[in-house]
Amino acid sequence: EGTIHQAVAVTGMRRARYLGLHKTHLEHVFSAVALNLIR
């Protein structure tokens, strides 16, 4: 739950910024990388 909260708070993952599965997947990958770098 803490990881999910951090992802939402830092990257705003509740809503995708892009349309389409490939772009949304890429956004999630970049968000995961950003969280790992922060940690």
All heavy atoms as atom14 arrays in JSON, in Angstrom:
{
  "sequence": "EGTIHQAVAVTGMRRARYLGLHKTHLEHVFSAVALNLIR",
  "atom14_mask": [
    [1, 1, 1, 1, 1, 1, 1, 1, 1, 0, 0, 0, 0, 0],
    [1, 1, 1, 1, 0, 0, 0, 0, 0, 0, 0, 0, 0, 0],
    [1, 1, 1, 1, 1, 1, 1, 0, 0, 0, 0, 0, 0, 0],
    [1, 1, 1, 1, 1, 1, 1, 1, 0, 0, 0, 0, 0, 0],
    [1, 1, 1, 1, 1, 1, 1, 1, 1, 1, 0, 0, 0, 0],
    [1, 1, 1, 1, 1, 1, 1, 1, 1, 0, 0, 0, 0, 0],
    [1, 1, 1, 1, 1, 0, 0, 0, 0, 0, 0, 0, 0, 0],
    [1, 1, 1, 1, 1, 1, 1, 0, 0, 0, 0, 0, 0, 0],
    [1, 1, 1, 1, 1, 0, 0, 0, 0, 0, 0, 0, 0, 0],
    [1, 1, 1, 1, 1, 1, 1, 0, 0, 0, 0, 0, 0, 0],
    [1, 1, 1, 1, 1, 1, 1, 0, 0, 0, 0, 0, 0, 0],
    [1, 1, 1, 1, 0, 0, 0, 0, 0, 0, 0, 0, 0, 0],
    [1, 1, 1, 1, 1, 1, 1, 1, 0, 0, 0, 0, 0, 0],
    [1, 1, 1, 1, 1, 1, 1, 1, 1, 1, 1, 0, 0, 0],
    [1, 1, 1, 1, 1, 1, 1, 1, 1, 1, 1, 0, 0, 0],
    [1, 1, 1, 1, 1, 0, 0, 0, 0, 0, 0, 0, 0, 0],
    [1, 1, 1, 1, 1, 1, 1, 1, 1, 1, 1, 0, 0, 0],
    [1, 1, 1, 1, 1, 1, 1, 1, 1, 1, 1, 1, 0, 0],
    [1, 1, 1, 1, 1, 1, 1, 1, 0, 0, 0, 0, 0, 0],
    [1, 1, 1, 1, 0, 0, 0, 0, 0, 0, 0, 0, 0, 0],
    [1, 1, 1, 1, 1, 1, 1, 1, 0, 0, 0, 0, 0, 0],
    [1, 1, 1, 1, 1, 1, 1, 1, 1, 1, 0, 0, 0, 0],
    [1, 1, 1, 1, 1, 1, 1, 1, 1, 0, 0, 0, 0, 0],
    [1, 1, 1, 1, 1, 1, 1, 0, 0, 0, 0, 0, 0, 0],
    [1, 1, 1, 1, 1, 1, 1, 1, 1, 1, 0, 0, 0, 0],
    [1, 1, 1, 1, 1, 1, 1, 1, 0, 0, 0, 0, 0, 0],
    [1, 1, 1, 1, 1, 1, 1, 1, 1, 0, 0, 0, 0, 0],
    [1, 1, 1, 1, 1, 1, 1, 1, 1, 1, 0, 0, 0, 0],
    [1, 1, 1, 1, 1, 1, 1, 0, 0, 0, 0, 0, 0, 0],
    [1, 1, 1, 1, 1, 1, 1, 1, 1, 1, 1, 0, 0, 0],
    [1, 1, 1, 1, 1, 1, 0, 0, 0, 0, 0, 0, 0, 0],
    [1, 1, 1, 1, 1, 0, 0, 0, 0, 0, 0, 0, 0, 0],
    [1, 1, 1, 1, 1, 1, 1, 0, 0, 0, 0, 0, 0, 0],
    [1, 1, 1, 1, 1, 0, 0, 0, 0, 0, 0, 0, 0, 0],
    [1, 1, 1, 1, 1, 1, 1, 1, 0, 0, 0, 0, 0, 0],
    [1, 1, 1, 1, 1, 1, 1, 1, 0, 0, 0, 0, 0, 0],
    [1, 1, 1, 1, 1, 1, 1, 1, 0, 0, 0, 0, 0, 0],
    [1, 1, 1, 1, 1, 1, 1, 1, 0, 0, 0, 0, 0, 0],
    [1, 1, 1, 1, 1, 1, 1, 1, 1, 1, 1, 0, 0, 0]
  ],
  "atom14_positions": [
    [[0.83, -1.21, 0.0], [0.0, 0.0, 0.0], [0.86, 1.26, 0.0], [0.54, 2.25, -0.65], [-0.93, 0.01, 1.22], [-1.97, -1.08, 1.22], [-3.08, -0.84, 0.23], [-3.3, 0.31, -0.19], [-3.74, -1.83, -0.15], [0.0, 0.0, 0.0], [0.0, 0.0, 0.0], [0.0, 0.0, 0.0], [0.0, 0.0, 0.0], [0.0, 0.0, 0.0]],
    [[1.98, 1.22, 0.73], [2.9, 2.35, 0.73], [3.51, 2.6, -0.63], [3.67, 3.76, -1.06], [0.0, 0.0, 0.0], [0.0, 0.0, 0.0], [0.0, 0.0, 0.0], [0.0, 0.0, 0.0], [0.0, 0.0, 0.0], [0.0, 0.0, 0.0], [0.0, 0.0, 0.0], [0.0, 0.0, 0.0], [0.0, 0.0, 0.0], [0.0, 0.0, 0.0]],
    [[3.85, 1.53, -1.34], [4.4, 1.67, -2.69], [3.37, 2.27, -3.64], [3.68, 3.15, -4.44], [4.87, 0.3, -3.2], [5.86, -0.21, -2.31], [5.46, 0.42, -4.6], [0.0, 0.0, 0.0], [0.0, 0.0, 0.0], [0.0, 0.0, 0.0], [0.0, 0.0, 0.0], [0.0, 0.0, 0.0], [0.0, 0.0, 0.0], [0.0, 0.0, 0.0]],
    [[2.14, 1.79, -3.54], [1.08, 2.33, -4.4], [0.85, 3.8, -4.09], [0.71, 4.63, -5.0], [-0.22, 1.51, -4.23], [-0.02, 0.11, -4.81], [-1.39, 2.2, -4.9], [-1.14, -0.86, -4.51], [0.0, 0.0, 0.0], [0.0, 0.0, 0.0], [0.0, 0.0, 0.0], [0.0, 0.0, 0.0], [0.0, 0.0, 0.0], [0.0, 0.0, 0.0]],
    [[0.82, 4.16, -2.8], [0.64, 5.56, -2.43], [1.77, 6.42, -2.97], [1.54, 7.53, -3.48], [0.56, 5.7, -0.91], [0.55, 7.13, -0.47], [-0.54, 7.95, -0.64], [1.5, 7.9, 0.1], [-0.26, 9.16, -0.18], [0.99, 9.15, 0.27], [0.0, 0.0, 0.0], [0.0, 0.0, 0.0], [0.0, 0.0, 0.0], [0.0, 0.0, 0.0]],
    [[3.01, 5.92, -2.87], [4.13, 6.69, -3.38], [4.02, 6.87, -4.9], [4.29, 7.95, -5.42], [5.45, 5.99, -3.03], [6.67, 6.79, -3.44], [7.96, 6.05, -3.18], [7.97, 4.84, -3.05], [9.04, 6.79, -3.12], [0.0, 0.0, 0.0], [0.0, 0.0, 0.0], [0.0, 0.0, 0.0], [0.0, 0.0, 0.0], [0.0, 0.0, 0.0]],
    [[3.61, 5.83, -5.6], [3.47, 5.93, -7.04], [2.41, 6.96, -7.43], [2.6, 7.74, -8.36], [3.12, 4.56, -7.63], [0.0, 0.0, 0.0], [0.0, 0.0, 0.0], [0.0, 0.0, 0.0], [0.0, 0.0, 0.0], [0.0, 0.0, 0.0], [0.0, 0.0, 0.0], [0.0, 0.0, 0.0], [0.0, 0.0, 0.0], [0.0, 0.0, 0.0]],
    [[1.32, 6.97, -6.69], [0.25, 7.93, -6.99], [0.69, 9.34, -6.64], [0.46, 10.29, -7.4], [-1.04, 7.54, -6.24], [-2.08, 8.64, -6.32], [-1.61, 6.25, -6.81], [0.0, 0.0, 0.0], [0.0, 0.0, 0.0], [0.0, 0.0, 0.0], [0.0, 0.0, 0.0], [0.0, 0.0, 0.0], [0.0, 0.0, 0.0], [0.0, 0.0, 0.0]],
    [[1.34, 9.5, -5.48], [1.73, 10.83, -5.03], [2.84, 11.43, -5.9], [2.81, 12.62, -6.19], [2.19, 10.77, -3.57], [0.0, 0.0, 0.0], [0.0, 0.0, 0.0], [0.0, 0.0, 0.0], [0.0, 0.0, 0.0], [0.0, 0.0, 0.0], [0.0, 0.0, 0.0], [0.0, 0.0, 0.0], [0.0, 0.0, 0.0], [0.0, 0.0, 0.0]],
    [[3.79, 10.61, -6.32], [4.95, 11.13, -7.05], [4.66, 11.26, -8.53], [5.0, 12.26, -9.16], [6.18, 10.22, -6.81], [7.33, 10.61, -7.72], [6.61, 10.3, -5.37], [0.0, 0.0, 0.0], [0.0, 0.0, 0.0], [0.0, 0.0, 0.0], [0.0, 0.0, 0.0], [0.0, 0.0, 0.0], [0.0, 0.0, 0.0], [0.0, 0.0, 0.0]],
    [[4.03, 10.25, -9.11], [3.88, 10.23, -10.56], [2.45, 10.46, -11.04], [2.22, 10.58, -12.23], [4.36, 8.89, -11.14], [3.52, 7.84, -10.66], [5.79, 8.62, -10.76], [0.0, 0.0, 0.0], [0.0, 0.0, 0.0], [0.0, 0.0, 0.0], [0.0, 0.0, 0.0], [0.0, 0.0, 0.0], [0.0, 0.0, 0.0], [0.0, 0.0, 0.0]],
    [[1.48, 10.51, -10.13], [0.1, 10.73, -10.55], [-0.45, 9.59, -11.37], [-1.11, 9.8, -12.4], [0.0, 0.0, 0.0], [0.0, 0.0, 0.0], [0.0, 0.0, 0.0], [0.0, 0.0, 0.0], [0.0, 0.0, 0.0], [0.0, 0.0, 0.0], [0.0, 0.0, 0.0], [0.0, 0.0, 0.0], [0.0, 0.0, 0.0], [0.0, 0.0, 0.0]],
    [[-0.21, 8.37, -10.96], [-0.57, 7.2, -11.76], [-2.06, 6.85, -11.75], [-2.45, 5.87, -12.35], [0.22, 5.98, -11.3], [1.66, 6.03, -11.74], [2.54, 4.51, -11.42], [1.66, 3.33, -12.41], [0.0, 0.0, 0.0], [0.0, 0.0, 0.0], [0.0, 0.0, 0.0], [0.0, 0.0, 0.0], [0.0, 0.0, 0.0], [0.0, 0.0, 0.0]],
    [[-2.87, 7.63, -11.09], [-4.31, 7.31, -11.12], [-4.89, 7.48, -12.52], [-5.82, 6.8, -12.9], [-5.07, 8.19, -10.14], [-4.83, 7.79, -8.72], [-6.06, 8.08, -7.89], [-5.75, 8.01, -6.49], [-5.74, 6.9, -5.78], [-6.04, 5.77, -6.37], [-5.44, 6.91, -4.51], [0.0, 0.0, 0.0], [0.0, 0.0, 0.0], [0.0, 0.0, 0.0]],
    [[-4.35, 8.43, -13.26], [-4.83, 8.66, -14.62], [-3.66, 8.66, -15.58], [-2.63, 9.27, -15.32], [-5.53, 10.01, -14.72], [-6.81, 10.07, -13.96], [-7.71, 11.14, -14.54], [-8.99, 11.1, -13.89], [-10.07, 10.6, -14.48], [-10.01, 10.13, -15.68], [-11.21, 10.61, -13.83], [0.0, 0.0, 0.0], [0.0, 0.0, 0.0], [0.0, 0.0, 0.0]],
    [[-3.85, 7.98, -16.69], [-2.82, 7.96, -17.72], [-2.85, 9.26, -18.5], [-3.91, 9.82, -18.78], [-3.04, 6.78, -18.66], [0.0, 0.0, 0.0], [0.0, 0.0, 0.0], [0.0, 0.0, 0.0], [0.0, 0.0, 0.0], [0.0, 0.0, 0.0], [0.0, 0.0, 0.0], [0.0, 0.0, 0.0], [0.0, 0.0, 0.0], [0.0, 0.0, 0.0]],
    [[-1.68, 9.76, -18.85], [-1.58, 11.0, -19.61], [-1.76, 10.77, -21.1], [-1.97, 11.69, -21.86], [-0.22, 11.65, -19.36], [-0.04, 12.15, -17.96], [1.36, 12.74, -17.79], [1.55, 13.24, -16.45], [2.01, 12.52, -15.44], [2.32, 11.26, -15.63], [2.15, 13.05, -14.25], [0.0, 0.0, 0.0], [0.0, 0.0, 0.0], [0.0, 0.0, 0.0]],
    [[-1.63, 9.52, -21.49], [-1.62, 9.21, -22.93], [-2.74, 8.25, -23.28], [-3.26, 7.53, -22.43], [-0.27, 8.6, -23.32], [0.89, 9.44, -22.88], [1.65, 9.1, -21.77], [1.2, 10.62, -23.56], [2.7, 9.9, -21.36], [2.25, 11.42, -23.15], [2.99, 11.05, -22.05], [4.03, 11.84, -21.65], [0.0, 0.0, 0.0], [0.0, 0.0, 0.0]],
    [[-3.1, 8.22, -24.54], [-4.1, 7.28, -25.04], [-3.37, 6.13, -25.71], [-2.34, 6.31, -26.35], [-5.02, 7.96, -26.05], [-5.9, 9.09, -25.5], [-6.7, 9.73, -26.62], [-6.84, 8.56, -24.43], [0.0, 0.0, 0.0], [0.0, 0.0, 0.0], [0.0, 0.0, 0.0], [0.0, 0.0, 0.0], [0.0, 0.0, 0.0], [0.0, 0.0, 0.0]],
    [[-3.92, 4.96, -25.57], [-3.33, 3.79, -26.21], [-2.57, 2.94, -25.22], [-1.93, 3.43, -24.29], [0.0, 0.0, 0.0], [0.0, 0.0, 0.0], [0.0, 0.0, 0.0], [0.0, 0.0, 0.0], [0.0, 0.0, 0.0], [0.0, 0.0, 0.0], [0.0, 0.0, 0.0], [0.0, 0.0, 0.0], [0.0, 0.0, 0.0], [0.0, 0.0, 0.0]],
    [[-2.62, 1.64, -25.44], [-2.01, 0.7, -24.52], [-0.49, 0.83, -24.49], [0.13, 0.8, -23.42], [-2.42, -0.72, -24.91], [-1.96, -1.84, -24.0], [-2.53, -1.64, -22.6], [-2.4, -3.18, -24.55], [0.0, 0.0, 0.0], [0.0, 0.0, 0.0], [0.0, 0.0, 0.0], [0.0, 0.0, 0.0], [0.0, 0.0, 0.0], [0.0, 0.0, 0.0]],
    [[0.14, 1.01, -25.65], [1.6, 1.07, -25.7], [2.14, 2.31, -24.99], [3.11, 2.23, -24.23], [2.08, 1.03, -27.15], [1.73, -0.25, -27.85], [2.23, -1.47, -27.48], [0.9, -0.5, -28.89], [1.75, -2.42, -28.25], [0.92, -1.85, -29.12], [0.0, 0.0, 0.0], [0.0, 0.0, 0.0], [0.0, 0.0, 0.0], [0.0, 0.0, 0.0]],
    [[1.51, 3.45, -25.2], [1.96, 4.67, -24.55], [1.71, 4.62, -23.04], [2.54, 5.07, -22.25], [1.26, 5.89, -25.15], [1.69, 6.21, -26.57], [0.95, 7.42, -27.07], [1.32, 7.72, -28.5], [0.57, 8.88, -29.01], [0.0, 0.0, 0.0], [0.0, 0.0, 0.0], [0.0, 0.0, 0.0], [0.0, 0.0, 0.0], [0.0, 0.0, 0.0]],
    [[0.58, 4.06, -22.65], [0.28, 3.94, -21.23], [1.25, 2.98, -20.55], [1.74, 3.25, -19.45], [-1.17, 3.45, -21.03], [-2.05, 4.35, -21.69], [-1.53, 3.38, -19.56], [0.0, 0.0, 0.0], [0.0, 0.0, 0.0], [0.0, 0.0, 0.0], [0.0, 0.0, 0.0], [0.0, 0.0, 0.0], [0.0, 0.0, 0.0], [0.0, 0.0, 0.0]],
    [[1.58, 1.89, -21.22], [2.55, 0.95, -20.67], [3.92, 1.62, -20.51], [4.58, 1.46, -19.48], [2.67, -0.28, -21.57], [3.76, -1.22, -21.15], [3.66, -1.98, -20.01], [4.96, -1.5, -21.7], [4.77, -2.7, -19.88], [5.57, -2.42, -20.89], [0.0, 0.0, 0.0], [0.0, 0.0, 0.0], [0.0, 0.0, 0.0], [0.0, 0.0, 0.0]],
    [[4.32, 2.4, -21.5], [5.59, 3.1, -21.43], [5.59, 4.1, -20.27], [6.58, 4.25, -19.55], [5.87, 3.81, -22.75], [7.24, 4.45, -22.89], [8.34, 3.4, -22.78], [7.33, 5.19, -24.21], [0.0, 0.0, 0.0], [0.0, 0.0, 0.0], [0.0, 0.0, 0.0], [0.0, 0.0, 0.0], [0.0, 0.0, 0.0], [0.0, 0.0, 0.0]],
    [[4.47, 4.78, -20.07], [4.36, 5.7, -18.94], [4.52, 4.97, -17.62], [5.2, 5.45, -16.71], [3.0, 6.41, -18.97], [2.8, 7.36, -17.81], [1.4, 7.94, -17.75], [0.53, 7.52, -18.53], [1.17, 8.81, -16.9], [0.0, 0.0, 0.0], [0.0, 0.0, 0.0], [0.0, 0.0, 0.0], [0.0, 0.0, 0.0], [0.0, 0.0, 0.0]],
    [[3.93, 3.79, -17.49], [4.05, 3.01, -16.26], [5.48, 2.55, -16.04], [5.98, 2.54, -14.91], [3.09, 1.82, -16.28], [1.67, 2.22, -16.13], [0.63, 1.36, -16.38], [1.09, 3.39, -15.76], [-0.52, 1.97, -16.16], [-0.25, 3.2, -15.79], [0.0, 0.0, 0.0], [0.0, 0.0, 0.0], [0.0, 0.0, 0.0], [0.0, 0.0, 0.0]],
    [[6.15, 2.16, -17.11], [7.55, 1.74, -16.99], [8.41, 2.91, -16.53], [9.25, 2.77, -15.63], [8.06, 1.16, -18.33], [9.56, 0.96, -18.3], [7.35, -0.15, -18.64], [0.0, 0.0, 0.0], [0.0, 0.0, 0.0], [0.0, 0.0, 0.0], [0.0, 0.0, 0.0], [0.0, 0.0, 0.0], [0.0, 0.0, 0.0], [0.0, 0.0, 0.0]],
    [[8.22, 4.08, -17.13], [8.99, 5.25, -16.72], [8.69, 5.63, -15.26], [9.59, 6.04, -14.52], [8.71, 6.44, -17.64], [9.4, 6.36, -18.96], [8.82, 6.93, -20.09], [10.62, 5.74, -19.1], [9.45, 6.88, -21.31], [11.26, 5.67, -20.33], [10.68, 6.24, -21.44], [0.0, 0.0, 0.0], [0.0, 0.0, 0.0], [0.0, 0.0, 0.0]],
    [[7.44, 5.49, -14.85], [7.08, 5.79, -13.47], [7.76, 4.83, -12.51], [8.26, 5.24, -11.45], [5.57, 5.71, -13.29], [4.92, 6.69, -14.06], [0.0, 0.0, 0.0], [0.0, 0.0, 0.0], [0.0, 0.0, 0.0], [0.0, 0.0, 0.0], [0.0, 0.0, 0.0], [0.0, 0.0, 0.0], [0.0, 0.0, 0.0], [0.0, 0.0, 0.0]],
    [[7.81, 3.55, -12.87], [8.47, 2.56, -12.02], [9.97, 2.85, -11.92], [10.56, 2.75, -10.85], [8.23, 1.16, -12.57], [0.0, 0.0, 0.0], [0.0, 0.0, 0.0], [0.0, 0.0, 0.0], [0.0, 0.0, 0.0], [0.0, 0.0, 0.0], [0.0, 0.0, 0.0], [0.0, 0.0, 0.0], [0.0, 0.0, 0.0], [0.0, 0.0, 0.0]],
    [[10.58, 3.23, -13.04], [12.0, 3.58, -13.02], [12.23, 4.8, -12.14], [13.18, 4.84, -11.33], [12.52, 3.82, -14.46], [13.91, 4.42, -14.45], [12.51, 2.52, -15.25], [0.0, 0.0, 0.0], [0.0, 0.0, 0.0], [0.0, 0.0, 0.0], [0.0, 0.0, 0.0], [0.0, 0.0, 0.0], [0.0, 0.0, 0.0], [0.0, 0.0, 0.0]],
    [[11.36, 5.79, -12.24], [11.5, 6.99, -11.42], [11.39, 6.66, -9.94], [12.17, 7.16, -9.12], [10.43, 8.02, -11.82], [0.0, 0.0, 0.0], [0.0, 0.0, 0.0], [0.0, 0.0, 0.0], [0.0, 0.0, 0.0], [0.0, 0.0, 0.0], [0.0, 0.0, 0.0], [0.0, 0.0, 0.0], [0.0, 0.0, 0.0], [0.0, 0.0, 0.0]],
    [[10.43, 5.81, -9.57], [10.29, 5.42, -8.17], [11.52, 4.67, -7.68], [12.0, 4.89, -6.56], [9.05, 4.56, -7.98], [7.71, 5.27, -8.1], [6.57, 4.27, -8.0], [7.57, 6.33, -7.05], [0.0, 0.0, 0.0], [0.0, 0.0, 0.0], [0.0, 0.0, 0.0], [0.0, 0.0, 0.0], [0.0, 0.0, 0.0], [0.0, 0.0, 0.0]],
    [[12.06, 3.79, -8.51], [13.26, 3.06, -8.13], [14.44, 4.0, -7.95], [15.24, 3.83, -7.02], [13.59, 1.98, -9.15], [12.64, 0.8, -9.06], [12.05, 0.55, -8.02], [12.49, 0.08, -10.15], [0.0, 0.0, 0.0], [0.0, 0.0, 0.0], [0.0, 0.0, 0.0], [0.0, 0.0, 0.0], [0.0, 0.0, 0.0], [0.0, 0.0, 0.0]],
    [[14.57, 4.99, -8.81], [15.66, 5.97, -8.66], [15.5, 6.79, -7.39], [16.49, 7.07, -6.69], [15.73, 6.87, -9.89], [16.23, 6.22, -11.17], [16.12, 7.18, -12.35], [17.65, 5.72, -11.02], [0.0, 0.0, 0.0], [0.0, 0.0, 0.0], [0.0, 0.0, 0.0], [0.0, 0.0, 0.0], [0.0, 0.0, 0.0], [0.0, 0.0, 0.0]],
    [[14.27, 7.19, -7.08], [14.01, 7.93, -5.84], [14.39, 7.09, -4.63], [15.04, 7.57, -3.69], [12.54, 8.37, -5.78], [12.26, 9.46, -6.82], [12.15, 8.85, -4.38], [10.8, 9.77, -7.0], [0.0, 0.0, 0.0], [0.0, 0.0, 0.0], [0.0, 0.0, 0.0], [0.0, 0.0, 0.0], [0.0, 0.0, 0.0], [0.0, 0.0, 0.0]],
    [[14.02, 5.82, -4.66], [14.33, 4.94, -3.54], [15.82, 4.67, -3.43], [16.38, 4.62, -2.32], [13.56, 3.63, -3.68], [12.08, 3.82, -3.43], [11.31, 2.55, -3.65], [9.96, 2.75, -3.17], [9.2, 1.77, -2.7], [9.65, 0.55, -2.65], [7.99, 2.04, -2.28], [0.0, 0.0, 0.0], [0.0, 0.0, 0.0], [0.0, 0.0, 0.0]]
  ]
}
